[in-house]
Protein backbone atom coordinates (compact mmCIF):
# COMPACT_ATOMS: atom_id res chain seq x y z
CA UNK A 1 103.32 172.42 60.52
CA UNK A 2 100.78 171.59 63.32
CA UNK A 3 101.94 169.76 66.43
CA UNK A 4 100.95 166.09 66.20
CA UNK A 5 100.94 165.73 69.99
CA UNK A 6 103.37 162.82 69.77
CA UNK A 7 106.29 162.69 72.19
CA UNK A 8 109.77 162.84 70.64
CA UNK A 9 111.30 159.42 69.99
CA UNK A 10 114.89 158.35 70.57
CA UNK A 11 117.27 155.73 69.22
CA UNK A 12 118.39 152.86 71.45
CA UNK A 13 120.78 151.33 68.87
CA UNK A 14 123.85 153.47 69.77
CA UNK A 15 123.44 152.52 73.43
CA UNK A 16 123.25 148.81 72.61
CA UNK A 17 126.31 149.12 70.37
CA UNK A 18 128.25 150.88 73.14
CA UNK A 19 127.17 148.25 75.67
CA UNK A 20 128.38 145.40 73.44
CA UNK A 21 131.71 147.04 72.64
CA UNK A 22 132.75 149.14 75.65
CA UNK A 23 130.18 149.01 78.41
CA UNK A 24 130.63 145.30 79.08
CA UNK A 25 134.35 145.90 79.72
CA UNK A 26 133.86 148.39 82.56
CA UNK A 27 135.30 146.93 85.79
CA UNK A 28 132.36 147.37 88.14
CA UNK A 29 128.64 148.10 88.30
CA UNK A 30 128.93 151.72 89.48
CA UNK A 31 131.00 152.97 86.51
CA UNK A 32 128.78 150.86 84.23
CA UNK A 33 125.61 152.55 85.52
CA UNK A 34 127.24 155.99 85.39
CA UNK A 35 128.27 155.54 81.77
CA UNK A 36 124.97 153.89 80.81
CA UNK A 37 122.98 156.81 82.19
CA UNK A 38 125.09 159.26 80.21
CA UNK A 39 124.70 157.22 77.01
CA UNK A 40 120.92 157.07 77.42
CA UNK A 41 120.77 160.84 77.88
CA UNK A 42 122.93 161.36 74.77
CA UNK A 43 120.52 159.12 72.86
CA UNK A 44 117.61 161.32 73.93
CA UNK A 45 115.98 159.03 76.50
CA UNK A 46 113.65 160.91 78.89
CA UNK A 47 115.53 159.53 81.87
CA UNK A 48 115.91 161.30 85.21
CA UNK A 49 116.70 158.44 87.62
CA UNK A 50 117.80 154.80 87.25
CA UNK A 51 118.61 152.06 89.74
CA UNK A 52 120.04 148.56 89.38
CA UNK A 53 119.66 146.09 92.24
CA UNK A 54 121.74 142.92 92.47
CA UNK A 55 120.91 140.27 95.06
CA UNK A 56 124.23 138.87 96.15
CA UNK A 57 125.78 136.36 98.54
CA UNK A 58 127.48 138.29 101.30
CA UNK A 59 127.79 137.75 105.07
CA UNK A 60 126.34 141.19 105.88
CA UNK A 61 124.38 142.19 102.79
CA UNK A 62 121.31 140.79 101.06
CA UNK A 63 121.63 143.03 98.00
CA UNK A 64 123.60 145.90 96.46
CA UNK A 65 121.76 148.75 94.79
CA UNK A 66 123.34 151.28 92.43
CA UNK A 67 121.51 154.60 92.08
CA UNK A 68 122.04 157.07 89.22
CA UNK A 69 120.39 160.43 88.74
CA UNK A 70 120.77 162.88 85.92
CA UNK A 71 122.26 165.55 88.19
CA UNK A 72 124.62 163.38 90.24
CA UNK A 73 127.09 160.51 89.78
CA UNK A 74 126.09 156.93 90.48
CA UNK A 75 126.60 155.54 93.97
CA UNK A 76 126.10 152.16 95.61
CA UNK A 77 124.00 151.23 98.64
CA UNK A 78 124.14 147.96 100.55
CA UNK A 79 120.94 146.34 101.76
CA UNK A 80 121.38 144.26 104.94
CA UNK A 81 119.97 140.79 105.55
CA UNK A 82 116.46 141.09 106.90
CA UNK A 83 115.49 143.94 104.55
CA UNK A 84 113.22 141.50 102.70
CA UNK A 85 110.93 141.24 105.72
CA UNK A 86 111.00 144.93 106.68
CA UNK A 87 108.48 147.72 105.91
CA UNK A 88 111.10 149.27 103.64
CA UNK A 89 110.62 146.33 101.25
CA UNK A 90 107.20 144.83 101.96
CA UNK A 91 104.65 146.48 99.67
CA UNK A 92 107.31 148.32 97.67
CA UNK A 93 107.46 148.24 93.87
CA UNK A 94 110.39 145.81 94.04
CA UNK A 95 108.40 143.53 96.34
CA UNK A 96 105.52 143.71 93.86
CA UNK A 97 107.93 142.90 91.06
CA UNK A 98 109.25 139.89 92.97
CA UNK A 99 105.77 138.56 93.80
CA UNK A 100 104.14 139.05 90.40
CA UNK A 101 107.15 138.57 88.12
CA UNK A 102 105.70 141.30 85.88
CA UNK A 103 106.92 144.86 85.20
CA UNK A 104 105.56 147.53 87.53
CA UNK A 105 104.60 151.07 86.55
CA UNK A 106 103.37 154.02 88.62
CA UNK A 107 102.46 157.58 87.70
CA UNK A 108 104.14 159.42 90.55
CA UNK A 109 101.90 162.47 90.13
CA UNK A 110 98.85 160.31 90.85
CA UNK A 111 99.90 158.59 94.08
CA UNK A 112 97.61 158.06 97.05
CA UNK A 113 98.31 157.40 100.72
CA UNK A 114 98.02 153.69 99.92
CA UNK A 115 101.15 153.72 97.80
CA UNK A 116 104.48 152.68 99.32
CA UNK A 117 106.64 155.44 100.88
CA UNK A 118 109.49 154.78 98.43
CA UNK A 119 107.26 155.96 95.57
CA UNK A 120 106.39 159.12 97.48
CA UNK A 121 110.11 159.71 98.10
CA UNK A 122 110.92 159.47 94.39
CA UNK A 123 107.98 161.76 93.61
CA UNK A 124 109.14 164.30 96.21
CA UNK A 125 112.55 164.42 94.50
CA UNK A 126 110.91 165.32 91.19
CA UNK A 127 109.90 162.03 89.57
CA UNK A 128 106.72 161.87 87.46
CA UNK A 129 106.66 158.33 86.04
CA UNK A 130 108.24 155.12 87.41
CA UNK A 131 108.90 151.81 85.67
CA UNK A 132 110.49 148.68 87.23
CA UNK A 133 111.28 145.32 85.68
CA UNK A 134 113.45 142.31 86.43
CA UNK A 135 116.22 140.98 84.23
CA UNK A 136 116.23 137.26 83.46
CA UNK A 137 119.60 135.57 84.02
CA UNK A 138 120.58 131.92 83.73
CA UNK A 139 122.07 131.60 87.22
CA UNK A 140 121.41 133.43 90.45
CA UNK A 141 118.71 135.84 91.55
CA UNK A 142 117.32 138.12 88.88
CA UNK A 143 118.54 141.75 88.98
CA UNK A 144 115.90 144.49 89.15
CA UNK A 145 116.01 147.80 87.28
CA UNK A 146 113.96 150.93 87.74
CA UNK A 147 113.62 153.90 85.40
CA UNK A 148 112.06 157.24 86.34
CA UNK A 149 111.42 160.41 84.39
CA UNK A 150 110.62 163.98 85.42
CA UNK A 151 109.06 164.75 82.03
CA UNK A 152 105.55 166.04 82.61
CA UNK A 153 104.07 163.65 80.05
CA UNK A 154 105.79 160.68 81.67
CA UNK A 155 107.03 157.70 79.66
CA UNK A 156 105.57 156.73 76.30
CA UNK A 157 104.90 153.12 75.36
CA UNK A 158 107.86 153.38 73.02
CA UNK A 159 110.10 154.43 75.94
CA UNK A 160 109.03 151.42 77.98
CA UNK A 161 109.60 149.07 75.05
CA UNK A 162 113.13 150.45 74.61
CA UNK A 163 113.93 150.08 78.33
CA UNK A 164 112.73 146.48 78.15
CA UNK A 165 114.92 145.82 75.12
CA UNK A 166 117.86 147.47 76.89
CA UNK A 167 117.44 145.11 79.85
CA UNK A 168 117.65 142.07 77.58
CA UNK A 169 121.02 143.30 76.29
CA UNK A 170 122.15 144.34 79.74
CA UNK A 171 121.36 140.95 81.32
CA UNK A 172 124.58 139.06 80.41
CA UNK A 173 126.71 142.03 81.49
CA UNK A 174 125.01 142.21 84.87
CA UNK A 175 125.19 138.45 85.27
CA UNK A 176 128.96 138.56 84.71
CA UNK A 177 129.36 141.32 87.31
CA UNK A 178 127.14 139.45 89.75
CA UNK A 179 129.07 136.20 89.41
CA UNK A 180 132.42 137.98 89.77
CA UNK A 181 131.19 139.72 92.92
CA UNK A 182 129.89 136.49 94.41
CA UNK A 183 133.15 134.68 93.61
CA UNK A 184 135.27 137.47 95.05
CA UNK A 185 133.10 137.83 98.17
CA UNK A 186 133.08 134.11 98.90
CA UNK A 187 136.85 133.81 98.46
CA UNK A 188 137.52 136.85 100.65
CA UNK A 189 135.01 135.71 103.28
CA UNK A 190 136.36 132.19 103.63
CA UNK A 191 140.00 132.60 102.60
CA UNK A 192 140.90 136.29 103.00
CA UNK A 193 141.53 139.09 100.51
CA UNK A 194 145.14 138.24 99.62
CA UNK A 195 144.53 134.51 99.31
CA UNK A 196 141.35 135.09 97.33
CA UNK A 197 143.17 137.37 94.91
CA UNK A 198 145.89 134.79 94.31
CA UNK A 199 143.35 132.05 93.65
CA UNK A 200 141.38 134.24 91.22
CA UNK A 201 144.69 134.97 89.50
CA UNK A 202 145.01 131.24 88.82
CA UNK A 203 147.09 129.86 91.69
CA UNK A 204 144.85 126.78 92.08
CA UNK A 205 146.95 123.69 91.34
CA UNK A 206 148.22 121.47 94.13
CA UNK A 207 151.82 122.41 94.78
CA UNK A 208 151.41 125.95 93.42
CA UNK A 209 153.05 128.36 95.81
CA UNK A 210 155.78 130.87 96.39
CA UNK A 211 158.29 131.84 99.03
CA UNK A 212 157.36 135.10 100.71
CA UNK A 213 158.65 137.06 103.64
CA UNK A 214 155.94 137.71 106.20
CA UNK A 215 155.23 138.90 109.70
CA UNK A 216 153.33 136.06 111.33
CA UNK A 217 150.61 136.05 113.99
CA UNK A 218 149.20 133.13 115.88
CA UNK A 219 146.62 133.57 118.65
CA UNK A 220 144.71 131.07 120.75
CA UNK A 221 142.01 131.20 123.41
CA UNK A 222 142.85 130.21 126.96
CA UNK A 223 141.01 127.26 128.47
CA UNK A 224 138.88 126.64 125.41
CA UNK A 225 138.51 122.92 126.12
CA UNK A 226 137.01 123.67 129.52
CA UNK A 227 134.77 126.40 128.09
CA UNK A 228 133.60 123.93 125.46
CA UNK A 229 132.56 121.53 128.19
CA UNK A 230 130.89 124.09 130.46
CA UNK A 231 129.12 126.57 128.21
CA UNK A 232 125.90 126.07 126.22
CA UNK A 233 126.47 125.97 122.47
CA UNK A 234 124.87 129.38 121.84
CA UNK A 235 126.99 131.09 124.51
CA UNK A 236 130.15 129.40 123.23
CA UNK A 237 129.46 130.57 119.68
CA UNK A 238 128.85 134.10 120.93
CA UNK A 239 132.16 134.00 122.81
CA UNK A 240 134.07 132.69 119.80
CA UNK A 241 132.55 135.25 117.46
CA UNK A 242 133.36 138.07 119.89
CA UNK A 243 136.97 136.87 120.07
CA UNK A 244 137.32 136.40 116.30
CA UNK A 245 135.65 139.74 115.54
CA UNK A 246 137.88 141.70 117.92
CA UNK A 247 141.09 140.04 116.76
CA UNK A 248 140.06 140.30 113.10
CA UNK A 249 139.25 144.00 113.36
CA UNK A 250 142.57 144.74 115.05
CA UNK A 251 144.46 142.81 112.39
CA UNK A 252 142.63 144.52 109.53
CA UNK A 253 143.25 148.00 110.94
CA UNK A 254 147.00 147.33 110.89
CA UNK A 255 147.38 145.53 107.56
CA UNK A 256 147.08 141.92 108.72
CA UNK A 257 144.95 139.25 107.13
CA UNK A 258 143.48 136.15 108.74
CA UNK A 259 144.54 133.06 106.81
CA UNK A 260 142.45 130.60 108.76
CA UNK A 261 140.65 129.77 111.96
CA UNK A 262 142.02 126.62 113.58
CA UNK A 263 139.42 125.69 116.17
CA UNK A 264 139.81 128.59 118.59
CA UNK A 265 143.10 129.68 117.01
CA UNK A 266 143.77 132.44 114.48
CA UNK A 267 146.62 132.25 111.97
CA UNK A 268 147.32 135.55 110.24
CA UNK A 269 150.02 137.19 108.13
CA UNK A 270 151.21 140.68 107.37
CA UNK A 271 152.71 140.31 103.87
CA UNK A 272 156.06 142.02 103.30
CA UNK A 273 156.29 143.50 99.81
CA UNK A 274 159.47 145.43 100.53
CA UNK A 275 161.88 144.64 103.37
CA UNK A 276 162.34 148.37 103.90
CA UNK A 277 158.82 148.49 105.34
CA UNK A 278 159.45 145.74 107.93
CA UNK A 279 159.68 148.19 110.88
CA UNK A 280 156.24 149.58 109.94
CA UNK A 281 154.77 146.08 109.46
CA UNK A 282 156.14 144.64 112.70
CA UNK A 283 154.99 147.80 114.47
CA UNK A 284 151.53 147.26 113.00
CA UNK A 285 151.42 143.66 114.25
CA UNK A 286 152.56 144.84 117.71
CA UNK A 287 149.82 147.51 117.73
CA UNK A 288 147.19 145.00 116.58
CA UNK A 289 148.04 142.71 119.52
CA UNK A 290 147.96 145.62 121.98
CA UNK A 291 144.61 146.91 120.68
CA UNK A 292 143.00 143.46 120.68
CA UNK A 293 144.00 142.88 124.29
CA UNK A 294 142.90 146.39 125.29
CA UNK A 295 139.49 145.88 123.69
CA UNK A 296 139.10 142.59 125.52
CA UNK A 297 139.91 144.28 128.81
CA UNK A 298 136.75 146.35 128.27
CA UNK A 299 134.74 143.34 127.03
CA UNK A 300 135.82 141.29 130.04
CA UNK A 301 134.79 144.04 132.43
CA UNK A 302 131.25 143.75 131.09
CA UNK A 303 131.38 139.96 131.14
CA UNK A 304 132.50 139.77 134.77
CA UNK A 305 129.87 142.35 135.78
CA UNK A 306 127.30 140.04 134.19
CA UNK A 307 128.73 137.01 136.01
CA UNK A 308 130.27 135.50 132.87
CA UNK A 309 133.77 134.16 132.36
CA UNK A 310 136.45 136.49 131.05
CA UNK A 311 137.99 135.78 127.66
CA UNK A 312 141.76 135.34 127.64
CA UNK A 313 144.04 134.63 124.71
CA UNK A 314 147.70 134.55 123.82
CA UNK A 315 149.52 135.91 120.77
CA UNK A 316 152.76 134.78 119.13
CA UNK A 317 154.61 137.16 116.77
CA UNK A 318 157.43 136.20 114.42
CA UNK A 319 159.07 137.18 111.11
CA UNK A 320 160.37 134.78 108.50
CA UNK A 321 160.23 133.20 105.07
CA UNK A 322 157.23 130.94 104.46
CA UNK A 323 155.80 128.99 101.57
CA UNK A 324 152.43 130.45 100.61
CA UNK A 325 150.48 128.00 98.47
CA UNK A 326 148.27 124.96 97.93
CA UNK A 327 148.34 121.65 99.74
CA UNK A 328 145.81 118.83 99.78
CA UNK A 329 144.36 116.21 97.48
CA UNK A 330 143.97 116.52 93.73
CA UNK A 331 140.45 117.95 94.01
CA UNK A 332 140.31 119.36 97.58
CA UNK A 333 142.90 121.99 98.41
CA UNK A 334 143.83 124.29 101.23
CA UNK A 335 145.72 127.54 100.65
CA UNK A 336 148.04 128.02 103.59
CA UNK A 337 151.49 129.01 104.80
CA UNK A 338 153.99 126.38 105.84
CA UNK A 339 157.58 126.36 106.99
CA UNK A 340 159.74 126.50 110.12
CA UNK A 341 158.72 130.12 110.77
CA UNK A 342 155.06 129.12 111.05
CA UNK A 343 155.91 126.35 113.50
CA UNK A 344 157.99 128.71 115.65
CA UNK A 345 155.23 131.31 115.77
CA UNK A 346 152.71 128.71 116.93
CA UNK A 347 155.11 127.43 119.61
CA UNK A 348 155.72 130.97 120.87
CA UNK A 349 152.00 131.46 121.35
CA UNK A 350 151.91 128.23 123.38
CA UNK A 351 154.65 129.63 125.63
CA UNK A 352 152.41 132.53 126.68
CA UNK A 353 150.59 130.04 128.91
CA UNK A 354 153.82 128.77 130.45
CA UNK A 355 155.37 132.19 131.05
CA UNK A 356 152.17 133.93 132.14
CA UNK A 357 152.15 136.73 129.57
CA UNK A 358 149.62 137.51 126.86
CA UNK A 359 152.02 138.14 123.94
CA UNK A 360 155.41 136.70 122.99
CA UNK A 361 157.66 137.77 120.12
CA UNK A 362 160.81 136.27 118.65
CA UNK A 363 164.25 137.86 118.53
CA UNK A 364 163.80 138.30 114.76
CA UNK A 365 160.59 140.25 115.39
CA UNK A 366 162.14 142.29 118.21
CA UNK A 367 165.15 143.30 116.10
CA UNK A 368 162.87 144.78 113.43
CA UNK A 369 160.09 146.22 115.58
CA UNK A 370 160.30 149.89 116.61
CA UNK A 371 158.19 149.20 119.73
CA UNK A 372 159.66 148.33 123.12
CA UNK A 373 159.93 144.62 124.05
CA UNK A 374 161.55 143.25 127.19
CA UNK A 375 163.48 139.95 127.31
CA UNK A 376 162.01 136.78 128.76
CA UNK A 377 165.27 134.87 128.36
CA UNK A 378 166.10 131.75 126.33
CA UNK A 379 163.52 128.97 126.27
CA UNK A 380 162.98 125.67 124.52
CA UNK A 381 160.15 125.48 122.00
CA UNK A 382 158.68 122.08 121.24
CA UNK A 383 160.12 120.73 118.01
CA UNK A 384 162.65 123.57 117.67
CA UNK A 385 166.34 122.78 118.24
CA UNK A 386 168.23 124.66 120.94
CA UNK A 387 166.98 127.51 123.07
CA UNK A 388 165.22 130.51 121.57
CA UNK A 389 165.28 134.06 122.95
CA UNK A 390 161.77 135.31 123.65
CA UNK A 391 160.43 138.84 124.27
CA UNK A 392 157.21 140.43 125.44
CA UNK A 393 155.71 143.93 125.55
CA UNK A 394 155.46 145.70 128.91
CA UNK A 395 151.64 145.73 128.65
CA UNK A 396 151.48 141.94 128.22
């Protein structure tokens, strides 16, 4: 029988059925794209490369792109804020898609020097035909998808119609992933990972909470009131962000989590899942305090060389049972820790100013911590009955 010259067709229906039944239940975009690429190949689609871009709300990232290729597993790439005004985006197919709102197609074997470098990069990897389109969603920025083939003939009109139909079915799945990511990112950014997880798990009513054992951290800048009066707003913000960033990084490296910023103060916890790990957790809190102060010694060297004021702060460390939960009004809540242990930790930080050391720990912390702490003697803490034994590291 003579060759009709028609390209082989393929059936999208099994892919749509899989997406409705199984694909929508995959936990994240990367496994979804991986599985979707495999399903399209099984269906006979002439697909070599596929990308899905989600514009998100994130403090560092403008968008997240997932890239799949027939010969490698899917992977994710973050796009930083500012990418939208850079040469990497301006004039690209995705920029064209955003401006026109219409699908974009390029034969990659017919490019000229006028075409954007990203098209030349895909062509150099083996692509022959390129198709990009946006996915309409009810809320948020529209995701963008690209499909590329290395088939010499490129895509047929039937292929493009099927990819368009696929995107219509894929839209609600991507929208659900996008909204979950935004919700998770916002909760983690403003409340912390552990608190965000608890709220997403449903701990959202006023009075909801639980008793947990925790290693507690409270730190506070020295002389912040005076700095607030003397420094220009931009310089003060830069100082605060440098302090918060350094303390936050040290805490994260050692398993701590910032619960909240209180003016120039940082309240953080190291959750204790098993009491058997308390020596490791208290040791981690000790190391976080040491590293934060060591990093600031270097920062302050540069600041004094530049004629700027050094940044000093104190740290209080304690261990105890706290109530971890919601307080507030009926429709405006704060997720926090409360209890005598929190009050004691805060008061110990205040004593660093009085005793002239940078870090103070309680006897409860000292008894569990495998690091060396020297005694400062018994002292009164405001609002705490009796005298309390206090300790400090040798480096403080």
